[in-house]
N, C-alpha and C. Protein backbone atom coordinates (compact mmCIF):
# COMPACT_ATOMS: atom_id res chain seq x y z
N UNK A 1 27.30 24.02 -75.31
CA UNK A 1 26.25 23.07 -75.22
C UNK A 1 26.59 21.97 -74.22
N UNK A 2 27.84 21.72 -74.09
CA UNK A 2 28.25 20.71 -73.14
C UNK A 2 27.91 21.12 -71.71
N UNK A 3 27.79 22.44 -71.50
CA UNK A 3 27.39 22.91 -70.17
C UNK A 3 25.96 22.52 -69.85
N UNK A 4 25.09 22.44 -70.84
CA UNK A 4 23.70 22.10 -70.61
C UNK A 4 23.54 20.61 -70.29
N UNK A 5 24.44 19.82 -70.77
CA UNK A 5 24.34 18.39 -70.57
C UNK A 5 25.06 17.93 -69.31
N UNK A 6 25.40 18.86 -68.48
CA UNK A 6 26.06 18.47 -67.24
C UNK A 6 25.10 17.59 -66.42
N UNK A 7 25.65 16.55 -65.88
CA UNK A 7 24.84 15.63 -65.09
C UNK A 7 24.58 16.24 -63.72
N UNK A 8 23.35 16.12 -63.28
CA UNK A 8 22.99 16.63 -61.96
C UNK A 8 23.27 15.54 -60.94
N UNK A 9 23.77 15.90 -59.79
CA UNK A 9 23.99 14.96 -58.69
C UNK A 9 22.74 14.93 -57.82
N UNK A 10 22.10 13.77 -57.79
CA UNK A 10 20.92 13.61 -56.95
C UNK A 10 21.33 12.92 -55.67
N UNK A 11 20.79 13.40 -54.57
CA UNK A 11 21.05 12.76 -53.28
C UNK A 11 19.79 12.05 -52.83
N UNK A 12 19.96 10.87 -52.22
CA UNK A 12 18.80 10.13 -51.74
C UNK A 12 19.03 8.63 -51.84
N UNK A 13 17.97 7.88 -51.56
CA UNK A 13 18.06 6.42 -51.58
C UNK A 13 17.45 5.90 -52.87
N UNK A 14 18.00 4.83 -53.34
CA UNK A 14 17.41 4.19 -54.50
C UNK A 14 16.31 3.24 -54.03
N UNK A 15 15.51 2.80 -54.94
CA UNK A 15 14.43 1.89 -54.62
C UNK A 15 14.97 0.57 -54.06
N UNK A 16 16.06 0.09 -54.59
CA UNK A 16 16.67 -1.15 -54.11
C UNK A 16 17.12 -1.00 -52.66
N UNK A 17 17.73 0.11 -52.33
CA UNK A 17 18.18 0.34 -50.95
C UNK A 17 16.99 0.36 -49.99
N UNK A 18 15.91 0.99 -50.38
CA UNK A 18 14.72 1.03 -49.53
C UNK A 18 14.12 -0.36 -49.36
N UNK A 19 14.07 -1.16 -50.42
CA UNK A 19 13.53 -2.51 -50.33
C UNK A 19 14.38 -3.39 -49.43
N UNK A 20 15.68 -3.24 -49.49
CA UNK A 20 16.57 -4.00 -48.61
C UNK A 20 16.35 -3.61 -47.16
N UNK A 21 16.21 -2.33 -46.89
CA UNK A 21 15.98 -1.86 -45.51
C UNK A 21 14.64 -2.40 -44.98
N UNK A 22 13.60 -2.38 -45.81
CA UNK A 22 12.29 -2.90 -45.39
C UNK A 22 12.37 -4.40 -45.15
N UNK A 23 13.11 -5.11 -45.98
CA UNK A 23 13.26 -6.56 -45.79
C UNK A 23 13.98 -6.87 -44.48
N UNK A 24 15.00 -6.11 -44.15
CA UNK A 24 15.74 -6.32 -42.90
C UNK A 24 14.84 -6.06 -41.70
N UNK A 25 14.07 -4.99 -41.73
CA UNK A 25 13.15 -4.68 -40.64
C UNK A 25 12.10 -5.79 -40.51
N UNK A 26 11.61 -6.31 -41.63
CA UNK A 26 10.63 -7.40 -41.60
C UNK A 26 11.19 -8.67 -40.99
N UNK A 27 12.44 -8.99 -41.30
CA UNK A 27 13.07 -10.18 -40.73
C UNK A 27 13.25 -10.02 -39.23
N UNK A 28 13.69 -8.87 -38.80
CA UNK A 28 13.87 -8.62 -37.36
C UNK A 28 12.53 -8.70 -36.63
N UNK A 29 11.48 -8.15 -37.23
CA UNK A 29 10.14 -8.20 -36.61
C UNK A 29 9.63 -9.64 -36.55
N UNK A 30 9.87 -10.41 -37.60
CA UNK A 30 9.41 -11.80 -37.62
C UNK A 30 10.10 -12.64 -36.56
N UNK A 31 11.32 -12.33 -36.25
CA UNK A 31 12.06 -13.06 -35.21
C UNK A 31 11.66 -12.56 -33.82
N UNK A 32 11.48 -11.28 -33.67
CA UNK A 32 11.23 -10.69 -32.35
C UNK A 32 9.81 -10.81 -31.84
N UNK A 33 8.81 -10.81 -32.71
CA UNK A 33 7.42 -10.80 -32.27
C UNK A 33 7.02 -12.03 -31.47
N UNK A 34 7.37 -13.25 -31.89
CA UNK A 34 6.99 -14.41 -31.07
C UNK A 34 7.61 -14.38 -29.67
N UNK A 35 8.84 -13.91 -29.58
CA UNK A 35 9.47 -13.80 -28.26
C UNK A 35 8.73 -12.78 -27.39
N UNK A 36 8.34 -11.68 -28.00
CA UNK A 36 7.61 -10.65 -27.28
C UNK A 36 6.25 -11.18 -26.82
N UNK A 37 5.57 -11.94 -27.67
CA UNK A 37 4.27 -12.51 -27.29
C UNK A 37 4.41 -13.46 -26.11
N UNK A 38 5.45 -14.29 -26.12
CA UNK A 38 5.68 -15.21 -25.00
C UNK A 38 6.00 -14.45 -23.73
N UNK A 39 6.73 -13.35 -23.86
CA UNK A 39 7.04 -12.52 -22.70
C UNK A 39 5.76 -11.95 -22.08
N UNK A 40 4.84 -11.50 -22.92
CA UNK A 40 3.58 -10.96 -22.41
C UNK A 40 2.76 -12.03 -21.69
N UNK A 41 2.72 -13.25 -22.23
CA UNK A 41 1.99 -14.32 -21.57
C UNK A 41 2.62 -14.68 -20.23
N UNK A 42 3.94 -14.70 -20.20
CA UNK A 42 4.65 -15.01 -18.95
C UNK A 42 4.39 -13.93 -17.90
N UNK A 43 4.38 -12.68 -18.31
CA UNK A 43 4.09 -11.61 -17.35
C UNK A 43 2.65 -11.69 -16.87
N UNK A 44 1.73 -12.13 -17.73
CA UNK A 44 0.35 -12.34 -17.32
C UNK A 44 0.24 -13.45 -16.28
N UNK A 45 1.02 -14.52 -16.45
CA UNK A 45 1.02 -15.60 -15.44
C UNK A 45 1.54 -15.07 -14.11
N UNK A 46 2.52 -14.20 -14.15
CA UNK A 46 3.02 -13.60 -12.90
C UNK A 46 1.93 -12.79 -12.21
N UNK A 47 1.10 -12.13 -12.99
CA UNK A 47 -0.02 -11.40 -12.41
C UNK A 47 -1.01 -12.35 -11.76
N UNK A 48 -1.26 -13.49 -12.41
CA UNK A 48 -2.16 -14.49 -11.83
C UNK A 48 -1.62 -15.05 -10.53
N UNK A 49 -0.32 -15.30 -10.48
CA UNK A 49 0.32 -15.81 -9.26
C UNK A 49 0.20 -14.78 -8.14
N UNK A 50 0.46 -13.52 -8.46
CA UNK A 50 0.37 -12.46 -7.44
C UNK A 50 -1.05 -12.37 -6.88
N UNK A 51 -2.04 -12.47 -7.76
CA UNK A 51 -3.44 -12.41 -7.31
C UNK A 51 -3.78 -13.61 -6.43
N UNK A 52 -3.28 -14.79 -6.80
CA UNK A 52 -3.53 -15.98 -5.98
C UNK A 52 -2.89 -15.84 -4.60
N UNK A 53 -1.67 -15.35 -4.56
CA UNK A 53 -0.99 -15.21 -3.27
C UNK A 53 -1.68 -14.16 -2.39
N UNK A 54 -2.19 -13.11 -3.01
CA UNK A 54 -2.92 -12.11 -2.24
C UNK A 54 -4.21 -12.71 -1.67
N UNK A 55 -4.90 -13.50 -2.48
CA UNK A 55 -6.13 -14.14 -2.00
C UNK A 55 -5.81 -15.17 -0.91
N UNK A 56 -4.70 -15.89 -1.05
CA UNK A 56 -4.31 -16.86 -0.03
C UNK A 56 -3.98 -16.16 1.29
N UNK A 57 -3.37 -14.99 1.20
CA UNK A 57 -3.10 -14.22 2.41
C UNK A 57 -4.41 -13.84 3.11
N UNK A 58 -5.42 -13.45 2.34
CA UNK A 58 -6.72 -13.13 2.92
C UNK A 58 -7.38 -14.38 3.51
N UNK A 59 -7.20 -15.52 2.84
CA UNK A 59 -7.74 -16.77 3.37
C UNK A 59 -7.08 -17.12 4.71
N UNK A 60 -5.78 -16.94 4.81
CA UNK A 60 -5.07 -17.25 6.05
C UNK A 60 -5.50 -16.31 7.18
N UNK A 61 -5.72 -15.05 6.86
CA UNK A 61 -6.24 -14.11 7.87
C UNK A 61 -7.64 -14.52 8.32
N UNK A 62 -8.47 -14.94 7.37
CA UNK A 62 -9.81 -15.40 7.70
C UNK A 62 -9.74 -16.65 8.57
N UNK A 63 -8.84 -17.56 8.24
CA UNK A 63 -8.68 -18.80 9.02
C UNK A 63 -8.22 -18.49 10.44
N UNK A 64 -7.31 -17.53 10.56
CA UNK A 64 -6.82 -17.15 11.89
C UNK A 64 -7.96 -16.65 12.78
N UNK A 65 -8.90 -15.93 12.19
CA UNK A 65 -10.00 -15.37 12.97
C UNK A 65 -11.16 -16.36 13.18
N UNK A 66 -11.40 -17.27 12.22
CA UNK A 66 -12.59 -18.12 12.26
C UNK A 66 -12.30 -19.62 12.34
N UNK A 67 -11.04 -20.01 12.29
CA UNK A 67 -10.63 -21.43 12.29
C UNK A 67 -11.30 -22.22 11.17
N UNK A 68 -11.46 -21.56 10.03
CA UNK A 68 -12.06 -22.18 8.85
C UNK A 68 -11.71 -21.32 7.64
N UNK A 69 -11.61 -21.97 6.47
CA UNK A 69 -11.45 -21.22 5.22
C UNK A 69 -12.83 -20.96 4.65
N UNK A 70 -12.91 -20.15 3.62
CA UNK A 70 -14.20 -19.82 3.02
C UNK A 70 -14.10 -19.78 1.50
N UNK A 71 -15.22 -20.07 0.84
CA UNK A 71 -15.29 -19.96 -0.61
C UNK A 71 -15.91 -18.63 -1.02
N UNK A 72 -16.39 -17.86 -0.05
CA UNK A 72 -17.06 -16.60 -0.33
C UNK A 72 -16.06 -15.45 -0.44
N UNK A 73 -16.05 -14.79 -1.58
CA UNK A 73 -15.13 -13.67 -1.78
C UNK A 73 -15.50 -12.48 -0.90
N UNK A 74 -16.79 -12.31 -0.64
CA UNK A 74 -17.21 -11.17 0.19
C UNK A 74 -16.72 -11.31 1.63
N UNK A 75 -16.61 -12.55 2.12
CA UNK A 75 -16.10 -12.75 3.48
C UNK A 75 -14.59 -12.48 3.56
N UNK A 76 -13.94 -12.45 2.41
CA UNK A 76 -12.51 -12.13 2.37
C UNK A 76 -12.25 -10.65 2.16
N UNK A 77 -13.31 -9.87 1.99
CA UNK A 77 -13.16 -8.43 1.83
C UNK A 77 -13.22 -7.95 0.39
N UNK A 78 -13.52 -8.83 -0.55
CA UNK A 78 -13.68 -8.41 -1.94
C UNK A 78 -15.07 -7.82 -2.12
N UNK A 79 -15.18 -6.87 -3.04
CA UNK A 79 -16.45 -6.16 -3.21
C UNK A 79 -17.43 -6.88 -4.11
N UNK A 80 -16.96 -7.81 -4.94
CA UNK A 80 -17.88 -8.53 -5.81
C UNK A 80 -17.70 -10.03 -5.61
N UNK A 81 -18.66 -10.79 -6.11
CA UNK A 81 -18.61 -12.23 -5.95
C UNK A 81 -17.53 -12.85 -6.83
N UNK A 82 -17.26 -12.22 -7.98
CA UNK A 82 -16.20 -12.70 -8.86
C UNK A 82 -14.95 -11.86 -8.63
N UNK A 83 -13.85 -12.55 -8.42
CA UNK A 83 -12.59 -11.86 -8.16
C UNK A 83 -11.71 -11.99 -9.39
N UNK A 84 -11.23 -10.86 -9.89
CA UNK A 84 -10.35 -10.85 -11.06
C UNK A 84 -8.99 -10.30 -10.67
N UNK A 85 -7.98 -10.68 -11.44
CA UNK A 85 -6.65 -10.13 -11.21
C UNK A 85 -6.65 -8.65 -11.59
N UNK A 86 -5.54 -7.99 -11.38
CA UNK A 86 -5.47 -6.53 -11.54
C UNK A 86 -5.92 -6.06 -12.92
N UNK A 87 -5.46 -6.68 -13.97
CA UNK A 87 -5.86 -6.26 -15.32
C UNK A 87 -6.93 -7.15 -15.93
N UNK A 88 -7.45 -8.09 -15.15
CA UNK A 88 -8.53 -8.94 -15.62
C UNK A 88 -8.09 -10.13 -16.46
N UNK A 89 -6.81 -10.44 -16.44
CA UNK A 89 -6.34 -11.59 -17.21
C UNK A 89 -6.78 -12.92 -16.60
N UNK A 90 -7.01 -12.93 -15.29
CA UNK A 90 -7.39 -14.16 -14.59
C UNK A 90 -8.61 -13.91 -13.72
N UNK A 91 -9.42 -14.95 -13.56
CA UNK A 91 -10.53 -14.95 -12.62
C UNK A 91 -10.19 -15.94 -11.51
N UNK A 92 -10.35 -15.51 -10.26
CA UNK A 92 -9.98 -16.33 -9.12
C UNK A 92 -11.20 -16.99 -8.49
N UNK A 93 -10.99 -18.19 -7.98
CA UNK A 93 -12.06 -18.88 -7.27
C UNK A 93 -11.47 -19.72 -6.15
N UNK A 94 -12.30 -20.03 -5.17
CA UNK A 94 -11.89 -20.85 -4.03
C UNK A 94 -12.83 -22.04 -3.92
N UNK A 95 -12.25 -23.20 -3.59
CA UNK A 95 -13.05 -24.40 -3.40
C UNK A 95 -12.35 -25.30 -2.40
N UNK A 96 -12.97 -26.41 -2.07
CA UNK A 96 -12.36 -27.34 -1.13
C UNK A 96 -11.27 -28.16 -1.82
N UNK A 97 -10.34 -28.66 -1.05
CA UNK A 97 -9.26 -29.51 -1.57
C UNK A 97 -9.76 -30.95 -1.64
N UNK A 98 -10.01 -31.44 -2.82
CA UNK A 98 -10.41 -32.84 -2.98
C UNK A 98 -11.61 -33.21 -2.13
N UNK A 99 -11.43 -34.25 -1.28
CA UNK A 99 -12.53 -34.73 -0.46
C UNK A 99 -12.59 -34.06 0.91
N UNK A 100 -11.60 -33.23 1.22
CA UNK A 100 -11.59 -32.54 2.53
C UNK A 100 -12.57 -31.38 2.51
N UNK A 101 -13.04 -31.02 3.69
CA UNK A 101 -13.96 -29.88 3.78
C UNK A 101 -13.17 -28.59 3.62
N UNK A 102 -13.86 -27.56 3.20
CA UNK A 102 -13.22 -26.27 3.01
C UNK A 102 -12.78 -25.67 4.35
N UNK A 103 -13.34 -26.14 5.42
CA UNK A 103 -12.94 -25.65 6.74
C UNK A 103 -11.48 -26.01 7.04
N UNK A 104 -10.99 -27.11 6.46
CA UNK A 104 -9.62 -27.58 6.76
C UNK A 104 -8.62 -27.26 5.66
N UNK A 105 -9.08 -27.18 4.40
CA UNK A 105 -8.16 -26.97 3.28
C UNK A 105 -8.90 -26.23 2.16
N UNK A 106 -8.28 -25.19 1.63
CA UNK A 106 -8.88 -24.43 0.54
C UNK A 106 -7.96 -24.52 -0.68
N UNK A 107 -8.57 -24.65 -1.84
CA UNK A 107 -7.86 -24.69 -3.12
C UNK A 107 -8.23 -23.43 -3.89
N UNK A 108 -7.24 -22.61 -4.22
CA UNK A 108 -7.47 -21.40 -5.00
C UNK A 108 -7.07 -21.66 -6.44
N UNK A 109 -7.89 -21.20 -7.37
CA UNK A 109 -7.65 -21.42 -8.79
C UNK A 109 -7.73 -20.10 -9.53
N UNK A 110 -6.74 -19.85 -10.40
CA UNK A 110 -6.75 -18.69 -11.29
C UNK A 110 -6.97 -19.21 -12.70
N UNK A 111 -8.11 -18.84 -13.29
CA UNK A 111 -8.47 -19.30 -14.63
C UNK A 111 -8.23 -18.17 -15.62
N UNK A 112 -7.45 -18.42 -16.70
CA UNK A 112 -7.22 -17.36 -17.68
C UNK A 112 -8.51 -16.95 -18.38
N UNK A 113 -8.65 -15.66 -18.65
CA UNK A 113 -9.82 -15.15 -19.35
C UNK A 113 -9.79 -15.66 -20.80
N UNK A 114 -10.78 -16.45 -21.22
CA UNK A 114 -10.73 -17.05 -22.56
C UNK A 114 -10.88 -16.04 -23.69
N UNK A 115 -11.39 -14.85 -23.40
CA UNK A 115 -11.59 -13.84 -24.43
C UNK A 115 -10.55 -12.73 -24.37
N UNK A 116 -9.71 -12.72 -23.35
CA UNK A 116 -8.81 -11.59 -23.12
C UNK A 116 -7.39 -11.83 -23.58
N UNK A 117 -6.49 -11.08 -22.98
CA UNK A 117 -5.08 -11.09 -23.35
C UNK A 117 -4.40 -12.41 -23.05
N UNK A 118 -4.91 -13.16 -22.10
CA UNK A 118 -4.27 -14.41 -21.68
C UNK A 118 -4.88 -15.62 -22.41
N UNK A 119 -5.71 -15.39 -23.40
CA UNK A 119 -6.39 -16.48 -24.10
C UNK A 119 -5.42 -17.42 -24.81
N UNK A 120 -4.30 -16.92 -25.27
CA UNK A 120 -3.33 -17.75 -26.00
C UNK A 120 -2.46 -18.58 -25.07
N UNK A 121 -2.62 -18.41 -23.77
CA UNK A 121 -1.81 -19.16 -22.81
C UNK A 121 -2.30 -20.59 -22.73
N UNK A 122 -1.47 -21.53 -23.12
CA UNK A 122 -1.86 -22.93 -23.15
C UNK A 122 -1.48 -23.69 -21.88
N UNK A 123 -0.93 -23.00 -20.90
CA UNK A 123 -0.50 -23.69 -19.67
C UNK A 123 -1.67 -24.03 -18.77
N UNK A 124 -2.82 -23.43 -18.97
CA UNK A 124 -4.00 -23.77 -18.18
C UNK A 124 -4.12 -22.97 -16.89
N UNK A 125 -4.90 -23.52 -15.97
CA UNK A 125 -5.19 -22.85 -14.70
C UNK A 125 -3.98 -22.91 -13.76
N UNK A 126 -3.85 -21.88 -12.95
CA UNK A 126 -2.86 -21.85 -11.88
C UNK A 126 -3.59 -22.18 -10.59
N UNK A 127 -3.04 -23.09 -9.78
CA UNK A 127 -3.68 -23.44 -8.52
C UNK A 127 -2.66 -23.47 -7.39
N UNK A 128 -3.17 -23.21 -6.20
CA UNK A 128 -2.39 -23.35 -4.97
C UNK A 128 -3.38 -23.67 -3.86
N UNK A 129 -2.97 -24.53 -2.93
CA UNK A 129 -3.87 -24.81 -1.82
C UNK A 129 -3.26 -24.30 -0.51
N UNK A 130 -4.02 -24.41 0.55
CA UNK A 130 -3.60 -23.84 1.83
C UNK A 130 -2.41 -24.59 2.43
N UNK A 131 -2.05 -25.71 1.86
CA UNK A 131 -0.88 -26.46 2.34
C UNK A 131 0.36 -26.14 1.52
N UNK A 132 0.21 -25.22 0.56
CA UNK A 132 1.35 -24.79 -0.24
C UNK A 132 1.60 -25.59 -1.49
N UNK A 133 0.72 -26.53 -1.81
CA UNK A 133 0.89 -27.34 -3.01
C UNK A 133 0.43 -26.51 -4.21
N UNK A 134 1.35 -26.36 -5.18
CA UNK A 134 1.06 -25.53 -6.37
C UNK A 134 0.91 -26.42 -7.58
N UNK A 135 0.24 -25.91 -8.61
CA UNK A 135 0.10 -26.66 -9.85
C UNK A 135 1.46 -26.75 -10.56
N UNK A 136 1.57 -27.72 -11.45
CA UNK A 136 2.83 -27.98 -12.14
C UNK A 136 3.24 -26.83 -13.06
N UNK A 137 2.27 -26.04 -13.52
CA UNK A 137 2.58 -24.95 -14.45
C UNK A 137 2.86 -23.62 -13.73
N UNK A 138 3.09 -23.68 -12.45
CA UNK A 138 3.40 -22.47 -11.66
C UNK A 138 4.70 -21.87 -12.18
N UNK A 139 4.73 -20.58 -12.50
CA UNK A 139 5.96 -20.00 -13.06
C UNK A 139 7.09 -19.90 -12.04
């Protein structure tokens, strides 16, 4: 009868071991997710900067040919009136620098999409003008 009462060896994890593993994964995720979110916002700002620099290059080419800057995206070779960055995180626009005419100085602005991936970015608009002056939040 003692043979029938032999204890069986079970292999596997106990409930406590699984709960500890889940808790460790949760702690790691809670620490890592905010850093990852900030990384995504920073990479989005880099996309906005790249789009601004590309538009500034087109403005300089236009100035070389016409001795004036322009606020019209179509005159710069864009297909639509609204210019967006590659993934649509930013919308680009051109305007005059302060009180100067746009013929002498152009101010380019990248505005984060308020409904999109860059909505949580609190740094605001990115700007650069034809004289190389950039906004304070330039990455």
